């Protein structure tokens, strides 16, 4: 079952490389980690693999949202333009 997760991770990586907007990178990383866990524990059921995948995806999205939000707020330029006049 681990090879399916590796294929999912590879597919999401290709999609990410095509879009270049960090849309699927977190889900790709979660699929890769799930593949590693499935390879280490081959007797793990598909339900637990899906739970791990969903939990990791959510955790990565939530963890990086704060960082991304700070980076976006720091890029705002407080400069007057002709539109303001």
PDB file of N, CA and C in Angstrom:
ATOM      1  N   UNK A   1       0.814  -1.203   0.000  1.00  0.00           N
ATOM      2  CA  UNK A   1       0.000   0.000   0.000  1.00  0.00           C
ATOM      3  C   UNK A   1       0.853   1.262   0.000  1.00  0.00           C
ATOM      4  N   UNK A   2       2.082   1.131   0.455  1.00  0.00           N
ATOM      5  CA  UNK A   2       2.954   2.304   0.521  1.00  0.00           C
ATOM      6  C   UNK A   2       3.230   2.875  -0.860  1.00  0.00           C
ATOM      7  N   UNK A   3       3.320   2.020  -1.860  1.00  0.00           N
ATOM      8  CA  UNK A   3       3.629   2.514  -3.204  1.00  0.00           C
ATOM      9  C   UNK A   3       2.507   3.398  -3.743  1.00  0.00           C
ATOM     10  N   UNK A   4       1.279   3.149  -3.316  1.00  0.00           N
ATOM     11  CA  UNK A   4       0.169   4.010  -3.756  1.00  0.00           C
ATOM     12  C   UNK A   4       0.339   5.415  -3.173  1.00  0.00           C
ATOM     13  N   UNK A   5       0.751   5.487  -1.890  1.00  0.00           N
ATOM     14  CA  UNK A   5       0.982   6.794  -1.273  1.00  0.00           C
ATOM     15  C   UNK A   5       2.149   7.505  -1.941  1.00  0.00           C
ATOM     16  N   UNK A   6       3.181   6.744  -2.329  1.00  0.00           N
ATOM     17  CA  UNK A   6       4.296   7.358  -3.054  1.00  0.00           C
ATOM     18  C   UNK A   6       3.832   7.912  -4.403  1.00  0.00           C
ATOM     19  N   UNK A   7       2.952   7.180  -5.077  1.00  0.00           N
ATOM     20  CA  UNK A   7       2.410   7.681  -6.347  1.00  0.00           C
ATOM     21  C   UNK A   7       1.559   8.937  -6.138  1.00  0.00           C
ATOM     22  N   UNK A   8       0.781   8.941  -5.072  1.00  0.00           N
ATOM     23  CA  UNK A   8      -0.021  10.135  -4.754  1.00  0.00           C
ATOM     24  C   UNK A   8       0.902  11.319  -4.485  1.00  0.00           C
ATOM     25  N   UNK A   9       1.953  11.086  -3.691  1.00  0.00           N
ATOM     26  CA  UNK A   9       2.902  12.157  -3.384  1.00  0.00           C
ATOM     27  C   UNK A   9       3.597  12.650  -4.648  1.00  0.00           C
ATOM     28  N   UNK A  10       4.005  11.741  -5.515  1.00  0.00           N
ATOM     29  CA  UNK A  10       4.666  12.126  -6.763  1.00  0.00           C
ATOM     30  C   UNK A  10       3.725  12.922  -7.664  1.00  0.00           C
ATOM     31  N   UNK A  11       2.487  12.483  -7.765  1.00  0.00           N
ATOM     32  CA  UNK A  11       1.501  13.190  -8.579  1.00  0.00           C
ATOM     33  C   UNK A  11       1.266  14.606  -8.037  1.00  0.00           C
ATOM     34  N   UNK A  12       1.123  14.718  -6.727  1.00  0.00           N
ATOM     35  CA  UNK A  12       0.916  16.037  -6.130  1.00  0.00           C
ATOM     36  C   UNK A  12       2.151  16.921  -6.288  1.00  0.00           C
ATOM     37  N   UNK A  13       3.325  16.323  -6.251  1.00  0.00           N
ATOM     38  CA  UNK A  13       4.551  17.093  -6.468  1.00  0.00           C
ATOM     39  C   UNK A  13       4.604  17.636  -7.890  1.00  0.00           C
ATOM     40  N   UNK A  14       4.222  16.823  -8.848  1.00  0.00           N
ATOM     41  CA  UNK A  14       4.190  17.275 -10.244  1.00  0.00           C
ATOM     42  C   UNK A  14       3.174  18.404 -10.414  1.00  0.00           C
ATOM     43  N   UNK A  15       2.005  18.248  -9.798  1.00  0.00           N
ATOM     44  CA  UNK A  15       0.992  19.314  -9.858  1.00  0.00           C
ATOM     45  C   UNK A  15       1.538  20.592  -9.239  1.00  0.00           C
ATOM     46  N   UNK A  16       2.244  20.456  -8.111  1.00  0.00           N
ATOM     47  CA  UNK A  16       2.823  21.625  -7.448  1.00  0.00           C
ATOM     48  C   UNK A  16       3.874  22.298  -8.316  1.00  0.00           C
ATOM     49  N   UNK A  17       4.701  21.518  -8.988  1.00  0.00           N
ATOM     50  CA  UNK A  17       5.730  22.090  -9.852  1.00  0.00           C
ATOM     51  C   UNK A  17       5.122  22.808 -11.054  1.00  0.00           C
ATOM     52  N   UNK A  18       3.973  22.344 -11.506  1.00  0.00           N
ATOM     53  CA  UNK A  18       3.308  22.985 -12.634  1.00  0.00           C
ATOM     54  C   UNK A  18       2.623  24.282 -12.199  1.00  0.00           C
ATOM     55  N   UNK A  19       2.000  24.280 -11.011  1.00  0.00           N
ATOM     56  CA  UNK A  19       1.261  25.464 -10.579  1.00  0.00           C
ATOM     57  C   UNK A  19       2.154  26.505  -9.914  1.00  0.00           C
ATOM     58  N   UNK A  20       3.190  26.121  -9.248  1.00  0.00           N
ATOM     59  CA  UNK A  20       4.170  26.975  -8.564  1.00  0.00           C
ATOM     60  C   UNK A  20       3.515  27.985  -7.613  1.00  0.00           C
ATOM     61  N   UNK A  21       2.457  27.609  -6.945  1.00  0.00           N
ATOM     62  CA  UNK A  21       1.798  28.537  -6.035  1.00  0.00           C
ATOM     63  C   UNK A  21       1.606  27.940  -4.641  1.00  0.00           C
ATOM     64  N   UNK A  22       2.339  26.929  -4.308  1.00  0.00           N
ATOM     65  CA  UNK A  22       2.241  26.245  -3.018  1.00  0.00           C
ATOM     66  C   UNK A  22       0.804  25.827  -2.710  1.00  0.00           C
ATOM     67  N   UNK A  23       0.169  25.253  -3.707  1.00  0.00           N
ATOM     68  CA  UNK A  23      -1.204  24.801  -3.537  1.00  0.00           C
ATOM     69  C   UNK A  23      -1.236  23.407  -2.920  1.00  0.00           C
ATOM     70  N   UNK A  24      -0.428  22.505  -3.413  1.00  0.00           N
ATOM     71  CA  UNK A  24      -0.485  21.106  -2.987  1.00  0.00           C
ATOM     72  C   UNK A  24       0.742  20.631  -2.228  1.00  0.00           C
ATOM     73  N   UNK A  25       1.665  21.481  -1.918  1.00  0.00           N
ATOM     74  CA  UNK A  25       2.916  21.029  -1.323  1.00  0.00           C
ATOM     75  C   UNK A  25       2.684  20.385   0.035  1.00  0.00           C
ATOM     76  N   UNK A  26       1.742  20.912   0.807  1.00  0.00           N
ATOM     77  CA  UNK A  26       1.502  20.373   2.147  1.00  0.00           C
ATOM     78  C   UNK A  26       0.838  19.009   2.068  1.00  0.00           C
ATOM     79  N   UNK A  27      -0.072  18.849   1.142  1.00  0.00           N
ATOM     80  CA  UNK A  27      -0.723  17.559   0.962  1.00  0.00           C
ATOM     81  C   UNK A  27       0.279  16.553   0.390  1.00  0.00           C
ATOM     82  N   UNK A  28       1.176  17.017  -0.461  1.00  0.00           N
ATOM     83  CA  UNK A  28       2.235  16.166  -1.008  1.00  0.00           C
ATOM     84  C   UNK A  28       3.144  15.663   0.111  1.00  0.00           C
ATOM     85  N   UNK A  29       3.545  16.546   0.999  1.00  0.00           N
ATOM     86  CA  UNK A  29       4.382  16.138   2.128  1.00  0.00           C
ATOM     87  C   UNK A  29       3.650  15.152   3.036  1.00  0.00           C
ATOM     88  N   UNK A  30       2.377  15.380   3.261  1.00  0.00           N
ATOM     89  CA  UNK A  30       1.589  14.459   4.083  1.00  0.00           C
ATOM     90  C   UNK A  30       1.491  13.088   3.420  1.00  0.00           C
ATOM     91  N   UNK A  31       1.330  13.053   2.107  1.00  0.00           N
ATOM     92  CA  UNK A  31       1.280  11.776   1.397  1.00  0.00           C
ATOM     93  C   UNK A  31       2.616  11.052   1.465  1.00  0.00           C
ATOM     94  N   UNK A  32       3.707  11.802   1.377  1.00  0.00           N
ATOM     95  CA  UNK A  32       5.033  11.193   1.464  1.00  0.00           C
ATOM     96  C   UNK A  32       5.281  10.593   2.852  1.00  0.00           C
ATOM     97  N   UNK A  33       4.937  11.336   3.893  1.00  0.00           N
ATOM     98  CA  UNK A  33       5.107  10.825   5.258  1.00  0.00           C
ATOM     99  C   UNK A  33       4.202   9.617   5.490  1.00  0.00           C
ATOM    100  N   UNK A  34       2.984   9.665   4.976  1.00  0.00           N
ATOM    101  CA  UNK A  34       2.075   8.526   5.089  1.00  0.00           C
ATOM    102  C   UNK A  34       2.654   7.313   4.367  1.00  0.00           C
ATOM    103  N   UNK A  35       3.293   7.531   3.233  1.00  0.00           N
ATOM    104  CA  UNK A  35       3.926   6.429   2.501  1.00  0.00           C
ATOM    105  C   UNK A  35       5.063   5.821   3.326  1.00  0.00           C
ATOM    106  N   UNK A  36       5.842   6.665   3.953  1.00  0.00           N
ATOM    107  CA  UNK A  36       6.924   6.153   4.800  1.00  0.00           C
ATOM    108  C   UNK A  36       6.369   5.345   5.970  1.00  0.00           C
ATOM    109  N   UNK A  37       5.341   5.854   6.610  1.00  0.00           N
ATOM    110  CA  UNK A  37       4.730   5.137   7.730  1.00  0.00           C
ATOM    111  C   UNK A  37       4.133   3.816   7.257  1.00  0.00           C
ATOM    112  N   UNK A  38       3.480   3.825   6.101  1.00  0.00           N
ATOM    113  CA  UNK A  38       2.899   2.596   5.554  1.00  0.00           C
ATOM    114  C   UNK A  38       3.976   1.583   5.183  1.00  0.00           C
ATOM    115  N   UNK A  39       5.148   2.063   4.758  1.00  0.00           N
ATOM    116  CA  UNK A  39       6.244   1.164   4.427  1.00  0.00           C
ATOM    117  C   UNK A  39       6.862   0.554   5.694  1.00  0.00           C
ATOM    118  N   UNK A  40       6.934   1.357   6.751  1.00  0.00           N
ATOM    119  CA  UNK A  40       7.506   0.866   8.012  1.00  0.00           C
ATOM    120  C   UNK A  40       6.544  -0.103   8.702  1.00  0.00           C
ATOM    121  N   UNK A  41       5.260   0.208   8.646  1.00  0.00           N
ATOM    122  CA  UNK A  41       4.233  -0.635   9.273  1.00  0.00           C
ATOM    123  C   UNK A  41       3.292  -1.178   8.196  1.00  0.00           C
ATOM    124  N   UNK A  42       3.703  -2.210   7.458  1.00  0.00           N
ATOM    125  CA  UNK A  42       2.889  -2.700   6.336  1.00  0.00           C
ATOM    126  C   UNK A  42       1.545  -3.306   6.749  1.00  0.00           C
ATOM    127  N   UNK A  43       1.395  -3.694   8.005  1.00  0.00           N
ATOM    128  CA  UNK A  43       0.127  -4.284   8.431  1.00  0.00           C
ATOM    129  C   UNK A  43      -0.914  -3.241   8.826  1.00  0.00           C
ATOM    130  N   UNK A  44      -0.538  -1.966   8.770  1.00  0.00           N
ATOM    131  CA  UNK A  44      -1.467  -0.886   9.130  1.00  0.00           C
ATOM    132  C   UNK A  44      -2.606  -0.830   8.117  1.00  0.00           C
ATOM    133  N   UNK A  45      -3.810  -0.717   8.617  1.00  0.00           N
ATOM    134  CA  UNK A  45      -4.985  -0.682   7.754  1.00  0.00           C
ATOM    135  C   UNK A  45      -5.109   0.632   6.994  1.00  0.00           C
ATOM    136  N   UNK A  46      -5.895   0.599   5.941  1.00  0.00           N
ATOM    137  CA  UNK A  46      -6.087   1.763   5.087  1.00  0.00           C
ATOM    138  C   UNK A  46      -6.788   2.892   5.845  1.00  0.00           C
ATOM    139  N   UNK A  47      -7.664   2.543   6.782  1.00  0.00           N
ATOM    140  CA  UNK A  47      -8.371   3.573   7.545  1.00  0.00           C
ATOM    141  C   UNK A  47      -7.375   4.400   8.349  1.00  0.00           C
ATOM    142  N   UNK A  48      -6.422   3.750   9.021  1.00  0.00           N
ATOM    143  CA  UNK A  48      -5.414   4.475   9.794  1.00  0.00           C
ATOM    144  C   UNK A  48      -4.514   5.288   8.886  1.00  0.00           C
ATOM    145  N   UNK A  49      -4.213   4.778   7.709  1.00  0.00           N
ATOM    146  CA  UNK A  49      -3.388   5.533   6.771  1.00  0.00           C
ATOM    147  C   UNK A  49      -4.104   6.808   6.327  1.00  0.00           C
ATOM    148  N   UNK A  50      -5.377   6.702   6.062  1.00  0.00           N
ATOM    149  CA  UNK A  50      -6.152   7.879   5.660  1.00  0.00           C
ATOM    150  C   UNK A  50      -6.251   8.871   6.811  1.00  0.00           C
ATOM    151  N   UNK A  51      -6.439   8.368   8.033  1.00  0.00           N
ATOM    152  CA  UNK A  51      -6.490   9.248   9.203  1.00  0.00           C
ATOM    153  C   UNK A  51      -5.166   9.996   9.357  1.00  0.00           C
ATOM    154  N   UNK A  52      -4.048   9.288   9.212  1.00  0.00           N
ATOM    155  CA  UNK A  52      -2.731   9.923   9.309  1.00  0.00           C
ATOM    156  C   UNK A  52      -2.559  10.962   8.209  1.00  0.00           C
ATOM    157  N   UNK A  53      -2.952  10.616   6.989  1.00  0.00           N
ATOM    158  CA  UNK A  53      -2.831  11.536   5.857  1.00  0.00           C
ATOM    159  C   UNK A  53      -3.641  12.814   6.074  1.00  0.00           C
ATOM    160  N   UNK A  54      -4.886  12.675   6.486  1.00  0.00           N
ATOM    161  CA  UNK A  54      -5.751  13.841   6.697  1.00  0.00           C
ATOM    162  C   UNK A  54      -5.230  14.682   7.859  1.00  0.00           C
ATOM    163  N   UNK A  55      -4.818  14.027   8.947  1.00  0.00           N
ATOM    164  CA  UNK A  55      -4.315  14.757  10.111  1.00  0.00           C
ATOM    165  C   UNK A  55      -3.035  15.517   9.765  1.00  0.00           C
ATOM    166  N   UNK A  56      -2.119  14.881   9.045  1.00  0.00           N
ATOM    167  CA  UNK A  56      -0.885  15.562   8.656  1.00  0.00           C
ATOM    168  C   UNK A  56      -1.156  16.725   7.702  1.00  0.00           C
ATOM    169  N   UNK A  57      -2.059  16.524   6.769  1.00  0.00           N
ATOM    170  CA  UNK A  57      -2.401  17.600   5.838  1.00  0.00           C
ATOM    171  C   UNK A  57      -2.957  18.801   6.590  1.00  0.00           C
ATOM    172  N   UNK A  58      -3.878  18.546   7.506  1.00  0.00           N
ATOM    173  CA  UNK A  58      -4.470  19.638   8.278  1.00  0.00           C
ATOM    174  C   UNK A  58      -3.425  20.305   9.168  1.00  0.00           C
ATOM    175  N   UNK A  59      -2.596  19.506   9.803  1.00  0.00           N
ATOM    176  CA  UNK A  59      -1.559  20.049  10.681  1.00  0.00           C
ATOM    177  C   UNK A  59      -0.581  20.931   9.912  1.00  0.00           C
ATOM    178  N   UNK A  60      -0.145  20.480   8.747  1.00  0.00           N
ATOM    179  CA  UNK A  60       0.784  21.271   7.944  1.00  0.00           C
ATOM    180  C   UNK A  60       0.143  22.562   7.447  1.00  0.00           C
ATOM    181  N   UNK A  61      -1.115  22.493   7.050  1.00  0.00           N
ATOM    182  CA  UNK A  61      -1.809  23.700   6.590  1.00  0.00           C
ATOM    183  C   UNK A  61      -1.970  24.717   7.715  1.00  0.00           C
ATOM    184  N   UNK A  62      -2.381  24.253   8.881  1.00  0.00           N
ATOM    185  CA  UNK A  62      -2.592  25.157  10.009  1.00  0.00           C
ATOM    186  C   UNK A  62      -1.265  25.731  10.490  1.00  0.00           C
ATOM    187  N   UNK A  63      -0.237  24.893  10.550  1.00  0.00           N
ATOM    188  CA  UNK A  63       1.064  25.344  11.048  1.00  0.00           C
ATOM    189  C   UNK A  63       1.689  26.393  10.141  1.00  0.00           C
ATOM    190  N   UNK A  64       1.541  26.249   8.861  1.00  0.00           N
ATOM    191  CA  UNK A  64       2.180  27.184   7.937  1.00  0.00           C
ATOM    192  C   UNK A  64       1.306  28.395   7.626  1.00  0.00           C
ATOM    193  N   UNK A  65       0.035  28.340   7.982  1.00  0.00           N
ATOM    194  CA  UNK A  65      -0.849  29.479   7.714  1.00  0.00           C
ATOM    195  C   UNK A  65      -0.377  30.714   8.471  1.00  0.00           C
ATOM    196  N   UNK A  66       0.003  30.519   9.725  1.00  0.00           N
ATOM    197  CA  UNK A  66       0.455  31.654  10.534  1.00  0.00           C
ATOM    198  C   UNK A  66       1.702  32.287   9.939  1.00  0.00           C
ATOM    199  N   UNK A  67       2.635  31.453   9.520  1.00  0.00           N
ATOM    200  CA  UNK A  67       3.880  31.955   8.940  1.00  0.00           C
ATOM    201  C   UNK A  67       3.588  32.684   7.633  1.00  0.00           C
ATOM    202  N   UNK A  68       2.764  32.089   6.803  1.00  0.00           N
ATOM    203  CA  UNK A  68       2.437  32.708   5.517  1.00  0.00           C
ATOM    204  C   UNK A  68       1.692  34.027   5.714  1.00  0.00           C
ATOM    205  N   UNK A  69       0.803  34.066   6.692  1.00  0.00           N
ATOM    206  CA  UNK A  69       0.045  35.293   6.947  1.00  0.00           C
ATOM    207  C   UNK A  69       0.980  36.419   7.391  1.00  0.00           C
ATOM    208  N   UNK A  70       1.967  36.104   8.235  1.00  0.00           N
ATOM    209  CA  UNK A  70       2.931  37.113   8.661  1.00  0.00           C
ATOM    210  C   UNK A  70       3.768  37.602   7.489  1.00  0.00           C
ATOM    211  N   UNK A  71       4.156  36.696   6.606  1.00  0.00           N
ATOM    212  CA  UNK A  71       4.968  37.074   5.452  1.00  0.00           C
ATOM    213  C   UNK A  71       4.179  37.981   4.518  1.00  0.00           C
ATOM    214  N   UNK A  72       2.905  37.690   4.334  1.00  0.00           N
ATOM    215  CA  UNK A  72       2.072  38.503   3.453  1.00  0.00           C
ATOM    216  C   UNK A  72       1.866  39.891   4.063  1.00  0.00           C
ATOM    217  N   UNK A  73       1.619  39.956   5.375  1.00  0.00           N
ATOM    218  CA  UNK A  73       1.415  41.242   6.030  1.00  0.00           C
ATOM    219  C   UNK A  73       2.685  42.091   6.012  1.00  0.00           C
ATOM    220  N   UNK A  74       3.845  41.464   6.097  1.00  0.00           N
ATOM    221  CA  UNK A  74       5.110  42.202   6.067  1.00  0.00           C
ATOM    222  C   UNK A  74       5.415  42.766   4.691  1.00  0.00           C
ATOM    223  N   UNK A  75       4.817  42.220   3.646  1.00  0.00           N
ATOM    224  CA  UNK A  75       5.084  42.692   2.291  1.00  0.00           C
ATOM    225  C   UNK A  75       4.240  43.902   1.905  1.00  0.00           C
ATOM    226  N   UNK A  76       3.247  44.245   2.731  1.00  0.00           N
ATOM    227  CA  UNK A  76       2.411  45.397   2.420  1.00  0.00           C
ATOM    228  C   UNK A  76       3.249  46.661   2.527  1.00  0.00           C
ATOM    229  N   UNK A  77       3.110  47.502   1.546  1.00  0.00           N
ATOM    230  CA  UNK A  77       3.891  48.737   1.504  1.00  0.00           C
ATOM    231  C   UNK A  77       2.985  49.896   1.895  1.00  0.00           C
ATOM    232  N   UNK A  78       3.402  50.631   2.885  1.00  0.00           N
ATOM    233  CA  UNK A  78       2.649  51.809   3.327  1.00  0.00           C
ATOM    234  C   UNK A  78       3.233  53.040   2.652  1.00  0.00           C
ATOM    235  N   UNK A  79       2.918  53.189   1.389  1.00  0.00           N
ATOM    236  CA  UNK A  79       3.470  54.287   0.617  1.00  0.00           C
ATOM    237  C   UNK A  79       2.316  54.993  -0.099  1.00  0.00           C
ATOM    238  N   UNK A  80       2.304  56.295  -0.014  1.00  0.00           N
ATOM    239  CA  UNK A  80       1.256  57.067  -0.665  1.00  0.00           C
ATOM    240  C   UNK A  80       1.422  57.010  -2.172  1.00  0.00           C
ATOM    241  N   UNK A  81       0.333  56.900  -2.860  1.00  0.00           N
ATOM    242  CA  UNK A  81       0.353  56.904  -4.318  1.00  0.00           C
ATOM    243  C   UNK A  81      -0.564  58.027  -4.817  1.00  0.00           C
ATOM    244  N   UNK A  82      -0.605  58.218  -6.088  1.00  0.00           N
ATOM    245  CA  UNK A  82      -1.458  59.252  -6.661  1.00  0.00           C
ATOM    246  C   UNK A  82      -2.934  58.941  -6.427  1.00  0.00           C
ATOM    247  N   UNK A  83      -3.249  57.685  -6.226  1.00  0.00           N
ATOM    248  CA  UNK A  83      -4.633  57.304  -5.976  1.00  0.00           C
ATOM    249  C   UNK A  83      -5.098  57.870  -4.639  1.00  0.00           C
ATOM    250  N   UNK A  84      -4.178  57.969  -3.668  1.00  0.00           N
ATOM    251  CA  UNK A  84      -4.530  58.465  -2.344  1.00  0.00           C
ATOM    252  C   UNK A  84      -4.785  59.963  -2.351  1.00  0.00           C
ATOM    253  N   UNK A  85      -4.269  60.699  -3.304  1.00  0.00           N
ATOM    254  CA  UNK A  85      -4.401  62.158  -3.323  1.00  0.00           C
ATOM    255  C   UNK A  85      -5.705  62.558  -3.854  1.00  0.00           C
TER     256      UNK A  85
END
